[in-house]
N, C-alpha and C. Protein backbone atom coordinates (compact mmCIF):
# COMPACT_ATOMS: atom_id res chain seq x y z
N UNK A 1 12.80 1.53 26.89
CA UNK A 1 11.91 1.35 25.85
C UNK A 1 12.07 1.20 24.40
N UNK A 2 11.33 0.45 23.51
CA UNK A 2 11.87 0.33 22.55
C UNK A 2 10.61 1.32 21.53
N UNK A 3 11.21 1.67 20.36
CA UNK A 3 10.85 2.69 19.71
C UNK A 3 10.11 1.97 18.55
N UNK A 4 8.74 2.65 18.30
CA UNK A 4 7.81 1.86 17.35
C UNK A 4 8.64 1.82 15.64
N UNK A 5 8.30 0.86 15.05
CA UNK A 5 8.91 0.90 13.59
C UNK A 5 8.68 2.39 12.89
N UNK A 6 7.21 2.77 12.94
CA UNK A 6 7.01 3.83 12.33
C UNK A 6 7.94 5.15 12.63
N UNK A 7 8.00 5.04 13.99
CA UNK A 7 8.82 6.10 14.65
C UNK A 7 10.41 6.19 14.00
N UNK A 8 10.55 4.74 14.20
CA UNK A 8 12.23 4.82 13.47
C UNK A 8 12.64 5.19 12.13
N UNK A 9 11.45 4.87 11.53
CA UNK A 9 11.42 5.21 10.35
C UNK A 9 11.40 6.82 9.95
N UNK A 10 10.54 7.63 10.65
CA UNK A 10 10.56 8.65 10.68
C UNK A 10 11.90 9.15 11.21
N UNK A 11 12.48 8.74 12.12
CA UNK A 11 13.66 9.31 12.60
C UNK A 11 14.78 9.34 11.28
N UNK A 12 14.75 8.09 10.80
CA UNK A 12 15.80 8.07 9.60
C UNK A 12 15.56 8.73 8.39
N UNK A 13 14.25 8.90 8.05
CA UNK A 13 13.94 9.84 6.81
C UNK A 13 14.22 11.33 7.26
N UNK A 14 13.97 11.57 8.44
CA UNK A 14 14.08 12.99 8.90
C UNK A 14 15.44 13.80 9.50
N UNK A 15 16.02 12.41 9.89
CA UNK A 15 17.37 12.63 10.69
C UNK A 15 18.39 13.44 9.91
N UNK A 16 19.52 14.09 10.25
CA UNK A 16 20.31 14.77 9.91
C UNK A 16 21.70 14.09 9.69
N UNK A 17 21.59 13.33 10.32
CA UNK A 17 23.01 12.43 11.22
C UNK A 17 22.63 11.20 11.37
N UNK A 18 23.01 10.18 10.20
CA UNK A 18 22.75 8.70 10.44
C UNK A 18 23.39 8.10 11.78
N UNK A 19 24.80 8.47 11.62
CA UNK A 19 25.25 7.61 12.92
C UNK A 19 24.53 7.73 14.15
N UNK A 20 24.00 9.11 14.34
CA UNK A 20 23.15 9.60 15.60
C UNK A 20 22.13 8.50 15.94
N UNK A 21 21.22 8.49 14.91
CA UNK A 21 20.02 7.19 14.95
C UNK A 21 20.51 6.18 15.04
N UNK A 22 21.32 5.59 14.48
CA UNK A 22 21.95 4.40 14.84
C UNK A 22 22.40 3.85 16.35
N UNK A 23 23.23 5.33 16.40
CA UNK A 23 23.79 4.52 17.92
C UNK A 23 22.68 4.82 18.61
N UNK A 24 21.67 5.67 18.88
CA UNK A 24 20.67 5.91 19.58
C UNK A 24 19.73 4.87 19.81
N UNK A 25 19.39 4.16 18.81
CA UNK A 25 18.54 3.09 18.52
C UNK A 25 19.06 1.98 18.46
N UNK A 26 20.15 1.89 18.72
CA UNK A 26 21.05 0.41 18.44
C UNK A 26 20.44 -0.66 18.79
N UNK A 27 19.79 -0.92 20.06
CA UNK A 27 18.81 -1.89 20.46
C UNK A 27 17.65 -2.38 20.12
N UNK A 28 17.42 -1.48 19.22
CA UNK A 28 16.29 -1.59 18.41
C UNK A 28 16.07 -2.11 16.92
N UNK A 29 17.53 -2.49 16.59
CA UNK A 29 17.76 -3.16 15.29
C UNK A 29 17.82 -4.84 15.68
N UNK A 30 17.03 -5.42 14.71
CA UNK A 30 17.38 -6.89 14.92
C UNK A 30 18.34 -7.49 14.02
N UNK A 31 19.27 -8.33 14.31
CA UNK A 31 20.33 -8.70 13.66
C UNK A 31 20.62 -10.10 13.72
N UNK A 32 19.60 -10.89 14.33
CA UNK A 32 19.71 -12.45 14.39
C UNK A 32 19.22 -12.75 12.86
N UNK A 33 19.56 -14.02 13.28
CA UNK A 33 18.89 -15.20 11.83
C UNK A 33 17.46 -15.38 11.80
N UNK A 34 16.81 -15.77 11.02
CA UNK A 34 15.31 -16.31 10.88
C UNK A 34 15.21 -17.50 11.88
N UNK A 35 16.11 -18.44 11.82
CA UNK A 35 16.37 -19.51 12.78
C UNK A 35 16.39 -19.01 14.33
N UNK A 36 16.90 -17.94 14.62
CA UNK A 36 16.89 -17.28 15.92
C UNK A 36 15.63 -16.68 16.06
N UNK A 37 15.15 -15.98 14.87
CA UNK A 37 13.62 -15.50 15.36
C UNK A 37 12.73 -16.55 15.51
N UNK A 38 12.85 -17.59 15.02
CA UNK A 38 11.44 -18.62 15.09
C UNK A 38 11.62 -19.30 16.45
N UNK A 39 13.15 -19.19 16.88
CA UNK A 39 13.11 -20.10 18.02
C UNK A 39 12.73 -19.04 19.42
N UNK A 40 13.05 -17.61 19.15
CA UNK A 40 12.54 -16.84 20.07
C UNK A 40 11.09 -16.56 20.24
N UNK A 41 10.30 -16.92 19.03
CA UNK A 41 8.95 -16.83 18.89
C UNK A 41 8.40 -17.81 19.66
N UNK A 42 9.21 -19.37 19.88
CA UNK A 42 8.65 -20.37 20.48
C UNK A 42 8.99 -20.09 22.16
N UNK A 43 10.15 -19.28 22.44
CA UNK A 43 10.31 -19.19 23.84
C UNK A 43 9.31 -17.99 24.06
N UNK A 44 8.80 -16.79 23.36
CA UNK A 44 8.00 -16.05 24.15
C UNK A 44 6.59 -16.51 24.16
N UNK A 45 6.42 -17.67 23.42
CA UNK A 45 4.79 -18.02 23.52
C UNK A 45 4.82 -19.36 24.11
N UNK A 46 5.87 -19.67 24.65
CA UNK A 46 5.66 -21.08 25.24
C UNK A 46 5.62 -22.35 24.70
N UNK A 47 6.31 -22.50 23.50
CA UNK A 47 5.62 -23.50 22.35
C UNK A 47 7.06 -23.99 21.97
N UNK A 48 6.72 -25.42 21.58
CA UNK A 48 7.89 -26.34 20.90
C UNK A 48 8.04 -25.95 19.73
N UNK A 49 9.18 -26.36 18.79
CA UNK A 49 8.87 -26.36 17.20
C UNK A 49 8.12 -27.50 16.94
N UNK A 50 8.42 -28.52 17.40
CA UNK A 50 7.36 -29.62 17.09
C UNK A 50 6.14 -29.59 16.83
N UNK A 51 5.43 -28.71 17.82
CA UNK A 51 3.77 -28.20 17.83
C UNK A 51 3.36 -27.44 16.69
N UNK A 52 4.52 -26.33 16.32
CA UNK A 52 4.23 -25.38 15.66
C UNK A 52 4.61 -26.10 13.97
N UNK A 53 5.34 -26.81 13.80
CA UNK A 53 5.79 -27.98 12.87
C UNK A 53 4.15 -28.23 12.27
N UNK A 54 3.81 -29.18 13.47
CA UNK A 54 2.51 -29.93 13.17
C UNK A 54 1.46 -29.08 12.52
N UNK A 55 1.09 -27.89 13.66
CA UNK A 55 0.10 -27.10 13.09
C UNK A 55 0.41 -26.23 12.07
N UNK A 56 1.57 -26.37 11.38
CA UNK A 56 1.67 -25.52 10.15
C UNK A 56 1.49 -26.42 9.00
N UNK A 57 1.49 -27.96 9.01
CA UNK A 57 1.63 -28.68 8.28
C UNK A 57 2.79 -28.65 7.39
N UNK A 58 3.68 -28.99 7.89
CA UNK A 58 4.98 -28.77 7.33
C UNK A 58 5.78 -30.16 7.85
N UNK A 59 6.21 -31.12 6.79
CA UNK A 59 6.97 -32.04 7.20
C UNK A 59 7.87 -32.14 8.34
N UNK A 60 7.91 -32.92 9.28
CA UNK A 60 8.28 -32.92 10.53
C UNK A 60 9.93 -32.77 10.65
N UNK A 61 10.86 -33.09 9.66
CA UNK A 61 12.38 -33.11 9.51
C UNK A 61 12.56 -31.76 9.04
N UNK A 62 11.95 -31.55 7.87
CA UNK A 62 11.98 -30.39 6.96
C UNK A 62 11.84 -29.45 7.83
N UNK A 63 10.87 -29.02 8.41
CA UNK A 63 10.39 -28.17 9.52
C UNK A 63 11.65 -27.68 10.70
N UNK A 64 12.22 -29.09 11.04
CA UNK A 64 12.95 -28.95 12.24
C UNK A 64 14.39 -27.95 11.88
N UNK A 65 14.73 -28.14 10.51
CA UNK A 65 15.96 -27.49 9.64
C UNK A 65 15.71 -26.24 9.42
N UNK A 66 14.16 -25.72 9.83
CA UNK A 66 13.97 -24.20 9.66
C UNK A 66 14.40 -23.36 11.37
N UNK A 67 14.32 -24.44 12.10
CA UNK A 67 14.53 -23.95 13.50
C UNK A 67 16.38 -24.18 13.93
N UNK A 68 16.81 -25.05 13.57
CA UNK A 68 18.00 -25.40 13.52
C UNK A 68 18.88 -24.45 12.76
N UNK A 69 18.49 -23.92 11.76
CA UNK A 69 19.40 -23.22 10.94
C UNK A 69 20.05 -23.67 9.66
N UNK A 70 19.74 -25.00 9.41
CA UNK A 70 20.38 -25.71 8.47
C UNK A 70 19.58 -25.27 6.99
N UNK A 71 18.18 -25.05 7.04
CA UNK A 71 17.61 -24.68 5.72
C UNK A 71 16.71 -22.94 6.22
N UNK A 72 16.66 -22.51 5.35
CA UNK A 72 15.82 -20.99 5.13
C UNK A 72 14.53 -21.47 4.49
N UNK A 73 13.56 -21.17 5.32
CA UNK A 73 12.18 -21.14 5.01
C UNK A 73 11.67 -20.40 3.70
N UNK A 74 10.99 -20.99 2.89
CA UNK A 74 10.65 -19.96 1.73
C UNK A 74 9.34 -19.04 2.23
N UNK A 75 9.05 -18.27 1.49
CA UNK A 75 7.91 -17.54 1.98
C UNK A 75 6.62 -17.84 2.28
N UNK A 76 6.41 -19.02 1.35
CA UNK A 76 5.23 -20.04 1.74
C UNK A 76 5.61 -20.61 2.93
N UNK A 77 6.61 -21.00 3.18
CA UNK A 77 6.64 -21.90 4.40
C UNK A 77 6.78 -21.10 5.78
N UNK A 78 7.19 -19.68 5.42
CA UNK A 78 7.16 -18.56 6.65
C UNK A 78 5.58 -18.34 6.88
N UNK A 79 4.83 -18.22 5.94
CA UNK A 79 3.21 -18.03 5.85
C UNK A 79 2.63 -19.41 6.73
N UNK A 80 3.00 -20.56 6.21
CA UNK A 80 2.63 -21.81 7.20
C UNK A 80 3.25 -21.65 8.46
N UNK A 81 4.34 -21.30 8.92
CA UNK A 81 4.98 -21.27 10.12
C UNK A 81 4.15 -19.98 11.11
N UNK A 82 3.99 -19.30 10.42
CA UNK A 82 2.68 -17.93 11.26
C UNK A 82 1.43 -18.75 11.39
N UNK A 83 0.83 -19.59 10.46
CA UNK A 83 -0.22 -20.21 11.16
C UNK A 83 0.07 -21.19 12.33
N UNK A 84 1.14 -21.79 12.06
CA UNK A 84 1.69 -22.74 13.30
C UNK A 84 1.83 -22.17 14.64
N UNK A 85 2.14 -20.87 14.47
CA UNK A 85 2.39 -19.89 15.89
C UNK A 85 1.23 -19.42 16.00
N UNK A 86 0.00 -19.07 15.42
CA UNK A 86 -1.17 -18.62 15.38
C UNK A 86 -0.57 -17.08 15.47
N UNK A 87 -0.12 -16.74 14.85
CA UNK A 87 0.36 -15.17 14.65
C UNK A 87 -1.09 -14.38 13.87
N UNK A 88 -0.77 -13.08 14.59
CA UNK A 88 -1.57 -12.00 14.08
C UNK A 88 -1.02 -11.81 12.72
N UNK A 89 -2.06 -10.86 11.97
CA UNK A 89 -1.39 -9.85 10.61
C UNK A 89 -0.37 -9.34 10.92
N UNK A 90 -0.21 -8.66 11.74
CA UNK A 90 1.28 -7.58 11.91
C UNK A 90 2.34 -8.23 12.37
N UNK A 91 2.29 -9.44 13.10
CA UNK A 91 3.24 -10.54 13.47
C UNK A 91 3.45 -11.43 12.21
N UNK A 92 2.87 -11.67 11.47
CA UNK A 92 3.15 -12.26 10.26
C UNK A 92 3.96 -11.50 9.59
N UNK A 93 3.50 -10.60 9.10
CA UNK A 93 4.29 -9.45 8.47
C UNK A 93 5.62 -9.31 8.85
N UNK A 94 5.89 -8.90 10.08
CA UNK A 94 6.91 -8.88 10.70
C UNK A 94 7.87 -10.35 10.51
N UNK A 95 7.50 -11.14 10.72
CA UNK A 95 7.94 -12.62 10.55
C UNK A 95 8.57 -12.35 8.97
N UNK A 96 7.81 -11.82 8.25
CA UNK A 96 8.09 -11.91 6.59
C UNK A 96 9.17 -11.06 6.56
N UNK A 97 8.95 -9.94 7.28
CA UNK A 97 9.96 -8.67 6.79
C UNK A 97 11.63 -8.88 7.49
N UNK A 98 11.42 -9.86 8.72
CA UNK A 98 12.65 -10.01 9.24
C UNK A 98 13.48 -11.17 8.49
N UNK A 99 12.54 -12.21 7.69
CA UNK A 99 13.33 -12.65 6.84
C UNK A 99 13.85 -12.42 5.55
N UNK A 100 13.66 -11.36 5.25
CA UNK A 100 13.50 -10.26 3.90
C UNK A 100 12.66 -10.88 2.68
N UNK A 101 11.53 -11.68 3.20
CA UNK A 101 10.74 -11.47 2.23
C UNK A 101 9.79 -10.81 1.95
N UNK A 102 8.84 -10.72 0.86
CA UNK A 102 7.75 -9.73 1.12
C UNK A 102 6.74 -9.96 1.60
N UNK A 103 6.07 -8.83 2.19
CA UNK A 103 4.90 -9.17 2.93
C UNK A 103 4.21 -9.51 2.26
N UNK A 104 2.84 -9.65 2.87
CA UNK A 104 1.53 -9.79 2.41
C UNK A 104 1.13 -8.55 1.83
N UNK A 105 0.69 -8.70 0.32
CA UNK A 105 0.07 -7.39 -0.10
C UNK A 105 -1.35 -7.64 -0.67
N UNK A 106 -2.21 -7.04 0.03
CA UNK A 106 -3.75 -7.17 -0.15
C UNK A 106 -4.34 -7.00 -1.57
N UNK A 107 -3.44 -6.32 -2.56
CA UNK A 107 -3.89 -6.21 -4.37
C UNK A 107 -3.32 -7.43 -5.01
N UNK A 108 -2.48 -8.40 -3.96
CA UNK A 108 -2.39 -9.68 -5.10
C UNK A 108 -3.55 -11.01 -4.21
N UNK A 109 -4.28 -11.31 -5.19
CA UNK A 109 -5.30 -12.30 -4.92
C UNK A 109 -5.01 -13.41 -3.80
N UNK A 110 -3.80 -14.11 -4.19
CA UNK A 110 -3.49 -15.19 -3.15
C UNK A 110 -3.12 -14.49 -1.82
N UNK A 111 -2.14 -13.39 -1.69
CA UNK A 111 -1.91 -12.77 -0.70
C UNK A 111 -3.21 -12.45 0.27
N UNK A 112 -4.01 -11.87 -0.43
CA UNK A 112 -5.48 -11.27 -0.12
C UNK A 112 -6.10 -12.57 0.68
N UNK A 113 -6.32 -13.71 0.30
CA UNK A 113 -6.68 -14.76 0.66
C UNK A 113 -6.11 -15.34 1.90
N UNK A 114 -4.72 -14.81 2.03
CA UNK A 114 -3.92 -15.43 3.35
C UNK A 114 -4.32 -14.56 4.21
N UNK A 115 -4.27 -13.20 3.98
CA UNK A 115 -4.73 -12.25 4.76
C UNK A 115 -5.83 -12.38 5.56
N UNK A 116 -7.11 -12.59 4.83
CA UNK A 116 -8.49 -12.96 5.43
C UNK A 116 -8.25 -14.14 6.27
N UNK A 117 -7.37 -15.37 5.91
CA UNK A 117 -7.48 -16.71 6.41
C UNK A 117 -6.34 -16.21 8.04
N UNK A 118 -5.48 -15.48 7.90
CA UNK A 118 -4.82 -15.16 9.03
C UNK A 118 -5.82 -14.23 10.07
N UNK A 119 -6.16 -13.30 9.45
CA UNK A 119 -7.27 -12.26 10.39
C UNK A 119 -8.50 -13.06 10.78
N UNK A 120 -8.74 -14.01 10.28
CA UNK A 120 -9.78 -14.95 10.69
C UNK A 120 -9.60 -16.32 11.82
N UNK A 121 -8.29 -16.14 11.85
CA UNK A 121 -7.81 -17.32 12.60
C UNK A 121 -8.11 -18.93 11.96
N UNK A 122 -8.15 -18.90 10.79
CA UNK A 122 -8.21 -20.26 10.20
C UNK A 122 -6.86 -20.90 10.35
N UNK A 123 -7.06 -22.42 9.86
CA UNK A 123 -5.93 -23.17 9.93
C UNK A 123 -5.33 -22.97 8.65
N UNK A 124 -4.29 -23.71 8.71
CA UNK A 124 -3.43 -23.89 7.20
C UNK A 124 -4.50 -24.57 6.33
N UNK A 125 -5.21 -25.69 6.72
CA UNK A 125 -5.71 -26.49 5.80
C UNK A 125 -7.05 -25.94 5.04
N UNK A 126 -7.61 -24.83 6.05
CA UNK A 126 -8.68 -24.07 5.54
C UNK A 126 -7.93 -23.05 4.55
N UNK A 127 -6.85 -22.43 4.87
CA UNK A 127 -6.21 -21.47 3.87
C UNK A 127 -6.07 -22.56 2.26
N UNK A 128 -5.22 -23.42 2.47
CA UNK A 128 -5.35 -24.22 1.09
C UNK A 128 -6.36 -24.42 0.50
N UNK A 129 -7.48 -24.95 1.45
CA UNK A 129 -8.93 -25.36 0.48
C UNK A 129 -9.33 -23.91 -0.16
N UNK A 130 -8.98 -22.76 0.42
CA UNK A 130 -9.60 -21.61 -0.19
C UNK A 130 -8.96 -21.20 -1.57
N UNK A 131 -7.19 -21.40 -1.18
CA UNK A 131 -6.70 -21.09 -2.40
C UNK A 131 -7.16 -21.82 -3.49
N UNK A 132 -7.01 -23.11 -3.60
CA UNK A 132 -7.60 -23.94 -4.37
C UNK A 132 -8.90 -23.82 -4.92
N UNK A 133 -9.95 -23.59 -4.37
CA UNK A 133 -11.31 -23.14 -4.81
C UNK A 133 -11.07 -22.21 -5.71
N UNK A 134 -10.15 -21.38 -5.48
CA UNK A 134 -9.72 -19.74 -6.03
C UNK A 134 -8.93 -20.03 -7.47
N UNK A 135 -8.70 -21.28 -7.83
CA UNK A 135 -7.61 -21.62 -8.49
C UNK A 135 -6.21 -21.17 -8.61
N UNK A 136 -6.08 -21.17 -7.26
CA UNK A 136 -4.29 -20.27 -6.96
C UNK A 136 -3.64 -21.37 -6.36
N UNK A 137 -2.38 -21.54 -6.60
CA UNK A 137 -1.51 -22.31 -5.66
C UNK A 137 -1.55 -22.66 -4.72
N UNK A 138 -1.59 -23.64 -4.24
CA UNK A 138 -1.61 -23.67 -2.41
C UNK A 138 -0.54 -23.27 -2.06
N UNK A 139 -0.05 -23.22 -0.72
CA UNK A 139 1.45 -23.00 0.17
C UNK A 139 2.22 -24.15 -0.27
N UNK A 140 3.25 -24.01 -0.53
CA UNK A 140 4.32 -25.04 -0.54
C UNK A 140 4.41 -25.36 -1.97
N UNK A 141 3.74 -25.05 -3.51
CA UNK A 141 4.13 -25.59 -4.33
C UNK A 141 4.69 -24.67 -5.43
């Protein structure tokens, strides 16, 4: 059984011996690449990259490079991919964390709009329209 992120954080903060925590929860650490994780999401959700890329409104060839590991997606492209996968806010934050990008922060207006759009299951196009109408850069610019 896997440990929650908060529980693992608590064990790391309060633990007296790092090696004990690392050994005990070895299977709970993610050590794959972002392309591994994107492909894992496809497998878990029974999706193909082509459909995710199309729904994310990312150029086809460029999008496939994220899945085959020849390109690393930017934070904006990861947010678009989150829409392509239909991820929840928590799942989107996890995607951003795994990639080493900053999570969406509600006190940044652009991020707040992204959070709203994800939470209300909007499309990428709807998000882009909201960003533009608020005078903010659309994703991918």
